[in-house]
Protein backbone atom coordinates (compact mmCIF):
# COMPACT_ATOMS: atom_id res chain seq x y z
CA MET A 1 0.83 26.96 20.63
CA ALA A 2 -1.19 26.34 17.14
CA LYS A 3 1.26 23.65 16.60
CA GLU A 4 1.28 22.45 20.20
CA SER A 5 -2.31 21.82 20.10
CA ASN A 6 -2.66 20.16 16.67
CA SER A 7 0.04 17.77 17.68
CA ARG A 8 -2.52 16.74 20.48
CA VAL A 9 -4.76 16.42 18.59
CA ALA A 10 -2.84 14.26 15.90
CA SER A 11 -1.83 12.12 18.90
CA ALA A 12 -5.91 11.54 20.31
CA ASP A 13 -6.90 10.48 16.62
CA ILE A 14 -3.30 8.59 15.39
CA ALA A 15 -2.28 6.76 18.27
CA GLY A 16 -5.07 5.56 20.62
CA GLY A 17 -4.37 2.89 23.48
CA GLU A 18 -1.04 3.23 23.53
CA HIS A 19 1.43 4.97 26.64
CA LEU A 20 0.65 8.34 26.77
CA ASP A 21 3.94 9.87 26.44
CA HIS A 22 5.39 7.70 23.71
CA ARG A 23 1.95 8.08 22.17
CA ALA A 24 2.47 12.03 22.31
CA ALA A 25 5.81 12.10 21.31
CA ARG A 26 5.33 9.40 17.92
CA SER A 27 2.51 12.17 16.92
CA ARG A 28 5.07 14.71 17.13
CA ARG A 29 7.17 13.35 15.21
CA LEU A 30 4.10 12.57 12.63
CA TYR A 31 3.20 16.02 12.78
CA ARG A 32 6.92 17.56 12.40
CA THR A 33 6.99 14.92 9.54
CA PHE A 34 3.96 15.78 7.33
CA HIS A 35 2.65 19.24 8.59
CA ASP A 36 2.89 21.44 5.69
CA ARG A 37 4.05 19.30 3.23
CA VAL A 38 2.14 18.23 -0.24
CA ALA A 39 1.46 14.58 -0.51
CA ILE A 40 -0.51 12.49 -3.22
CA VAL A 41 -2.48 9.35 -2.46
CA THR A 42 -3.62 7.21 -5.31
CA GLY A 43 -6.07 4.52 -4.69
CA GLY A 44 -7.16 7.35 -2.17
CA THR A 45 -10.63 6.70 -2.21
CA SER A 46 -11.17 3.55 -0.23
CA GLY A 47 -8.80 1.18 2.35
CA ILE A 48 -5.83 2.25 3.12
CA GLY A 49 -5.83 4.91 0.79
CA HIS A 50 -8.77 6.71 2.27
CA ALA A 51 -6.68 6.09 6.17
CA LEU A 52 -3.63 7.52 4.83
CA CYS A 53 -5.86 10.73 3.27
CA GLU A 54 -7.62 11.13 6.38
CA THR A 55 -4.59 10.71 8.45
CA LEU A 56 -2.43 13.27 6.63
CA GLY A 57 -5.49 15.80 6.46
CA ALA A 58 -5.39 15.29 10.41
CA LEU A 59 -1.54 15.89 9.93
CA GLY A 60 -1.99 18.77 8.36
CA ALA A 61 -0.75 17.90 4.91
CA THR A 62 -1.95 19.07 2.10
CA VAL A 63 -3.64 16.47 0.67
CA VAL A 64 -4.06 15.06 -3.13
CA VAL A 65 -6.84 12.29 -2.96
CA ALA A 66 -6.72 10.56 -6.40
CA GLY A 67 -8.46 7.55 -7.69
CA ARG A 68 -10.59 6.47 -10.60
CA ASN A 69 -13.95 7.47 -8.33
CA ILE A 70 -13.96 10.83 -8.83
CA GLU A 71 -17.34 11.54 -7.20
CA ARG A 72 -15.83 9.33 -4.07
CA ALA A 73 -12.25 11.50 -4.12
CA VAL A 74 -14.59 14.58 -4.30
CA GLU A 75 -16.38 13.40 -1.12
CA ILE A 76 -13.16 12.53 0.44
CA ALA A 77 -11.38 15.34 -0.02
CA ARG A 78 -14.55 17.85 1.08
CA LEU A 79 -14.71 15.93 4.79
CA ILE A 80 -10.94 16.44 4.79
CA GLU A 81 -11.58 20.63 4.37
CA GLU A 82 -14.98 20.40 6.80
CA ARG A 83 -12.28 18.94 9.65
CA GLY A 84 -10.19 21.63 8.84
CA GLY A 85 -7.37 19.82 6.88
CA LYS A 86 -6.91 20.74 2.64
CA ALA A 87 -7.39 18.69 0.39
CA ARG A 88 -8.22 18.31 -3.36
CA ALA A 89 -9.53 15.50 -5.66
CA GLU A 90 -8.23 14.62 -8.40
CA GLN A 91 -8.94 11.40 -11.38
CA VAL A 92 -6.73 9.63 -12.24
CA ASP A 93 -6.24 5.79 -14.09
CA VAL A 94 -2.80 4.72 -13.13
CA THR A 95 -2.52 2.08 -15.52
CA VAL A 96 -2.61 5.22 -17.86
CA GLU A 97 0.89 7.04 -17.70
CA GLU A 98 -0.03 9.93 -19.47
CA GLY A 99 -2.67 10.43 -16.64
CA VAL A 100 -0.07 9.69 -14.03
CA THR A 101 2.29 12.10 -15.52
CA ARG A 102 -1.11 14.91 -15.30
CA LEU A 103 -1.85 14.26 -12.13
CA ILE A 104 2.09 15.20 -10.79
CA GLU A 105 2.85 18.31 -12.87
CA HIS A 106 -0.49 19.64 -12.07
CA THR A 107 0.03 18.94 -8.51
CA VAL A 108 3.42 20.48 -8.60
CA ALA A 109 1.94 23.32 -10.75
CA LEU A 110 -0.42 24.28 -8.17
CA TYR A 111 1.97 23.99 -5.29
CA GLY A 112 5.24 24.06 -6.25
CA ARG A 113 6.22 20.75 -5.49
CA VAL A 114 5.50 17.24 -4.74
CA ASP A 115 6.54 15.80 -0.95
CA TYR A 116 5.21 12.44 -0.45
CA LEU A 117 3.73 10.35 -3.37
CA PHE A 118 2.02 7.29 -1.73
CA ASN A 119 1.55 5.01 -4.58
CA ASN A 120 -1.18 2.90 -2.98
CA ALA A 121 -3.86 1.62 -5.66
CA GLY A 122 -4.09 -2.02 -6.20
CA VAL A 123 -6.26 -4.86 -7.06
CA GLY A 124 -6.40 -8.63 -6.64
CA VAL A 125 -6.84 -12.05 -8.56
CA MET A 126 -7.12 -14.93 -5.90
CA GLY A 127 -7.18 -18.65 -7.13
CA GLU A 128 -4.95 -21.49 -9.22
CA THR A 129 -2.60 -20.27 -11.27
CA ILE A 130 -3.78 -23.64 -13.44
CA ASN A 131 -7.06 -21.47 -13.69
CA LEU A 132 -5.43 -18.20 -14.69
CA GLU A 133 -6.09 -16.44 -17.60
CA SER A 134 -3.45 -13.95 -19.05
CA ALA A 135 -5.92 -11.33 -18.98
CA HIS A 136 -5.54 -12.36 -14.93
CA TRP A 137 -1.71 -11.44 -14.94
CA ARG A 138 -1.95 -8.37 -17.26
CA THR A 139 -4.78 -6.47 -14.75
CA VAL A 140 -2.91 -6.81 -11.78
CA ILE A 141 0.36 -5.89 -13.22
CA ASP A 142 -0.80 -3.19 -14.65
CA VAL A 143 -2.48 -1.94 -11.51
CA ASN A 144 0.09 -3.06 -9.06
CA LEU A 145 3.74 -3.14 -10.81
CA TRP A 146 2.66 -0.40 -14.02
CA GLY A 147 0.62 1.67 -11.81
CA VAL A 148 3.47 1.85 -9.35
CA ILE A 149 6.59 2.45 -12.20
CA PHE A 150 5.13 5.48 -13.80
CA GLY A 151 4.00 7.12 -10.40
CA SER A 152 7.38 6.45 -9.44
CA SER A 153 9.17 7.43 -12.21
CA VAL A 154 7.38 11.36 -12.73
CA ALA A 155 7.87 11.77 -8.83
CA TYR A 156 11.28 10.82 -8.50
CA ARG A 157 12.29 13.41 -11.60
CA ALA A 158 9.85 15.84 -9.95
CA MET A 159 10.99 15.28 -6.59
CA ALA A 160 14.90 15.71 -7.89
CA ARG A 161 14.70 18.41 -9.68
CA HIS A 162 13.45 20.24 -6.06
CA GLY A 163 15.98 18.59 -4.26
CA SER A 164 13.57 16.54 -1.91
CA GLY A 165 10.94 13.83 -1.51
CA HIS A 166 9.52 10.93 -0.29
CA ILE A 167 8.08 8.01 -2.57
CA VAL A 168 6.16 5.57 -0.72
CA ASN A 169 5.22 2.28 -2.43
CA VAL A 170 2.16 -0.29 -1.03
CA ALA A 171 3.13 -3.60 -1.92
CA SER A 172 2.47 -6.50 0.84
CA GLY A 173 3.53 -8.89 2.78
CA ALA A 174 2.71 -11.25 -0.76
CA GLY A 175 5.82 -9.21 -1.88
CA LEU A 176 8.34 -10.51 1.00
CA PHE A 177 7.70 -14.07 0.81
CA PRO A 178 5.67 -16.46 -1.94
CA ILE A 179 1.61 -17.13 -0.96
CA GLY A 180 0.03 -19.77 -3.19
CA PHE A 181 -3.11 -18.95 -4.55
CA THR A 182 -2.32 -15.08 -4.88
CA VAL A 183 0.74 -15.82 -7.64
CA PRO A 184 0.39 -12.71 -9.75
CA TYR A 185 -0.12 -10.55 -6.63
CA SER A 186 2.92 -12.03 -5.18
CA ALA A 187 4.77 -11.88 -8.36
CA ALA A 188 3.69 -7.64 -8.64
CA LYS A 189 3.96 -7.04 -5.13
CA HIS A 190 7.87 -8.10 -5.27
CA ALA A 191 8.48 -6.35 -8.49
CA VAL A 192 7.46 -3.64 -6.18
CA VAL A 193 9.95 -4.52 -3.07
CA ALA A 194 12.68 -4.77 -5.55
CA LEU A 195 12.04 -1.62 -7.67
CA SER A 196 11.71 -0.23 -4.29
CA VAL A 197 14.78 -0.83 -2.71
CA ALA A 198 16.99 -0.59 -5.48
CA MET A 199 15.33 3.14 -6.80
CA ARG A 200 15.81 4.24 -2.81
CA ALA A 201 19.68 3.93 -3.30
CA GLU A 202 20.20 5.77 -6.51
CA ALA A 203 17.38 8.44 -5.60
CA ALA A 204 19.73 9.47 -2.11
CA ALA A 205 22.13 10.78 -4.26
CA TYR A 206 19.45 13.73 -5.05
CA GLY A 207 17.76 13.99 -2.13
CA VAL A 208 15.07 11.96 -2.95
CA LYS A 209 13.58 8.73 -0.24
CA VAL A 210 11.87 5.72 -1.03
CA SER A 211 10.09 3.36 1.24
CA VAL A 212 8.08 0.54 0.63
CA ALA A 213 4.78 -1.00 3.09
CA CYS A 214 4.55 -4.33 3.32
CA PRO A 215 1.50 -4.97 5.32
CA GLY A 216 -0.13 -8.34 6.11
CA SER A 217 -3.60 -8.86 5.70
CA VAL A 218 -6.12 -5.69 5.61
CA ARG A 219 -9.79 -5.30 5.48
CA THR A 220 -10.09 -3.30 2.22
CA ASN A 221 -11.91 -3.15 -0.66
CA VAL A 222 -8.79 -4.59 -2.50
CA SER A 223 -9.41 -7.85 -0.75
CA ARG A 224 -13.08 -7.66 -0.53
CA THR A 225 -13.37 -6.80 -4.38
CA SER A 226 -10.48 -9.20 -5.58
CA GLU A 227 -11.32 -11.85 -8.57
CA VAL A 228 -11.74 -15.11 -7.41
CA VAL A 229 -11.34 -17.58 -9.89
CA GLY A 230 -12.05 -21.56 -9.90
CA ALA A 231 -12.82 -21.42 -6.77
CA SER A 232 -15.53 -20.06 -4.05
CA SER A 233 -15.09 -16.36 -3.01
CA GLU A 234 -14.69 -17.86 0.98
CA ILE A 235 -11.04 -17.84 -0.04
CA VAL A 236 -11.12 -14.52 0.08
CA GLU A 237 -13.61 -13.67 2.95
CA GLN A 238 -10.87 -16.20 5.31
CA PHE A 239 -7.93 -14.18 4.38
CA ILE A 240 -9.70 -10.87 5.40
CA GLU A 241 -11.44 -11.73 8.18
CA ASP A 242 -8.64 -11.80 11.03
CA GLY A 243 -7.47 -8.43 8.76
CA MET A 244 -6.26 -5.20 10.59
CA PRO A 245 -8.42 -2.02 10.14
CA PRO A 246 -7.32 0.38 7.28
CA SER A 247 -6.85 3.02 10.11
CA GLU A 248 -3.54 1.11 11.59
CA ALA A 249 -2.32 -0.14 8.66
CA ALA A 250 -2.40 4.02 7.68
CA ARG A 251 -0.38 4.61 10.79
CA HIS A 252 2.17 1.94 10.81
CA ILE A 253 3.17 3.55 7.44
CA LEU A 254 3.07 6.81 7.98
CA PHE A 255 5.45 5.77 11.36
CA GLY A 256 7.49 3.67 9.23
CA VAL A 257 7.48 6.76 6.57
CA ALA A 258 8.51 9.32 9.32
CA ARG A 259 11.31 7.04 10.61
CA ASP A 260 12.48 6.95 6.83
CA ARG A 261 12.37 3.06 6.82
CA THR A 262 13.54 0.91 3.87
CA ARG A 263 10.97 -1.46 3.82
CA ILE A 264 8.03 -0.91 6.46
CA VAL A 265 6.93 -4.19 7.53
CA PHE A 266 3.95 -5.16 9.72
CA PRO A 267 2.35 -6.47 12.13
CA ALA A 268 4.57 -8.93 13.86
CA SER A 269 3.09 -11.76 12.28
CA ILE A 270 4.25 -10.58 9.18
CA ARG A 271 7.75 -9.69 10.21
CA LEU A 272 8.17 -13.37 11.97
CA MET A 273 7.59 -15.21 8.37
CA TRP A 274 9.57 -12.78 6.38
CA TRP A 275 12.60 -13.77 8.66
CA LEU A 276 11.26 -17.59 8.58
CA SER A 277 11.04 -17.52 4.40
CA ARG A 278 14.83 -16.54 4.83
CA MET A 279 15.94 -18.43 7.25
CA SER A 280 14.70 -21.96 6.28
CA PRO A 281 13.38 -21.76 3.43
CA ALA A 282 12.77 -25.72 3.13
CA LEU A 283 10.61 -25.20 6.34
CA TRP A 284 8.71 -22.34 4.85
CA ASN A 285 8.06 -24.56 2.03
CA ALA A 286 6.62 -27.50 3.53
CA MET A 287 4.28 -24.88 5.57
CA CYS A 288 3.16 -23.22 2.22
CA ALA A 289 2.50 -27.16 0.58
CA LEU A 290 0.50 -28.00 3.99
CA HIS A 291 -1.31 -24.26 3.76
CA ILE A 292 -2.18 -24.95 0.44
CA ARG A 293 -3.30 -28.13 0.85
CA GLU A 294 -5.64 -27.40 3.72
CA VAL A 295 -7.18 -24.26 1.68
CA ARG A 296 -8.20 -26.80 -1.29
CA ARG A 297 -9.55 -29.10 0.95
CA ARG A 298 -11.74 -26.19 2.90
CA VAL A 299 -12.47 -23.99 0.46
CA ALA A 300 -12.29 -25.98 -3.20
CA GLY A 301 -13.68 -29.75 -1.19
CA THR A 302 -11.27 -31.94 -3.26
CA GLU A 303 -7.25 -31.93 -4.21
CA PRO A 304 -6.01 -32.07 -8.13
CA LYS A 305 -5.38 -35.35 -8.86
CA LYS A 306 -2.05 -36.32 -10.72
CA ALA A 307 -2.47 -37.23 -14.09
CA ALA A 308 -1.83 -41.21 -14.46
CA ALA A 309 1.82 -41.89 -15.52
CA ALA A 310 2.00 -43.02 -19.38
CA ALA A 311 2.66 -46.69 -19.93
């Protein structure tokens, strides 16, 4: 009876707006997948990470809220526990390998295992590539790629020893098809997608699963706090204006994990763009060129002038 009650609560909290029977079935799947499991969420103090922590806590998972802002992590863990869940806060900078190793090893020491690692921490830099410095590239690559490499590598070994586990790397639609004005971000996210798919093929022999989430625009701090180089912040505001709420993104990710999807791509518009970029690269390139010209016109105000040809 307790499980059925919790399942109904999760149904109400997680999948509102869908048909009741379908909603209940999906919520039961989530409950069976995550209840009594141990999950680490990096970047767990805001945006998608925060939503993942809250939802996992409601499903009965033991949640490790990991982030650089320890005060915020403690607050989120406390709120999860006040609602009847189980959580603890850990401070981590995903760009520091020793810190990531300590986070995962400490979790294993406390609970005996790590069932899920959500590599979610991320940063963004937006603007014309011609205006970017190497420091911009390093910031994005260090967090968005090396952070995933460190977490995936340590968790993979721990999960392989245990014989089970699931690594979930949060990439982006920008990791499936190229997007102008986000070149470092897109490059890092493409690498995360490749890393995840390749690692999944290797890890299956050890009982370890790997998935990669590729959401579209989400109203998160990563979007709002992205550094904009050589252009107005309007470029970010336009990008996130129609983004989905983090809670919806978290729900998509968890449903995909419960189904053991390799690539969790959402919403439908992102799946369509991904399909188009593969089926008709020439058309996709033309659309990207039009988009870039429009953004330059509306945000920067001018088109770049080509250098005069040498006489």
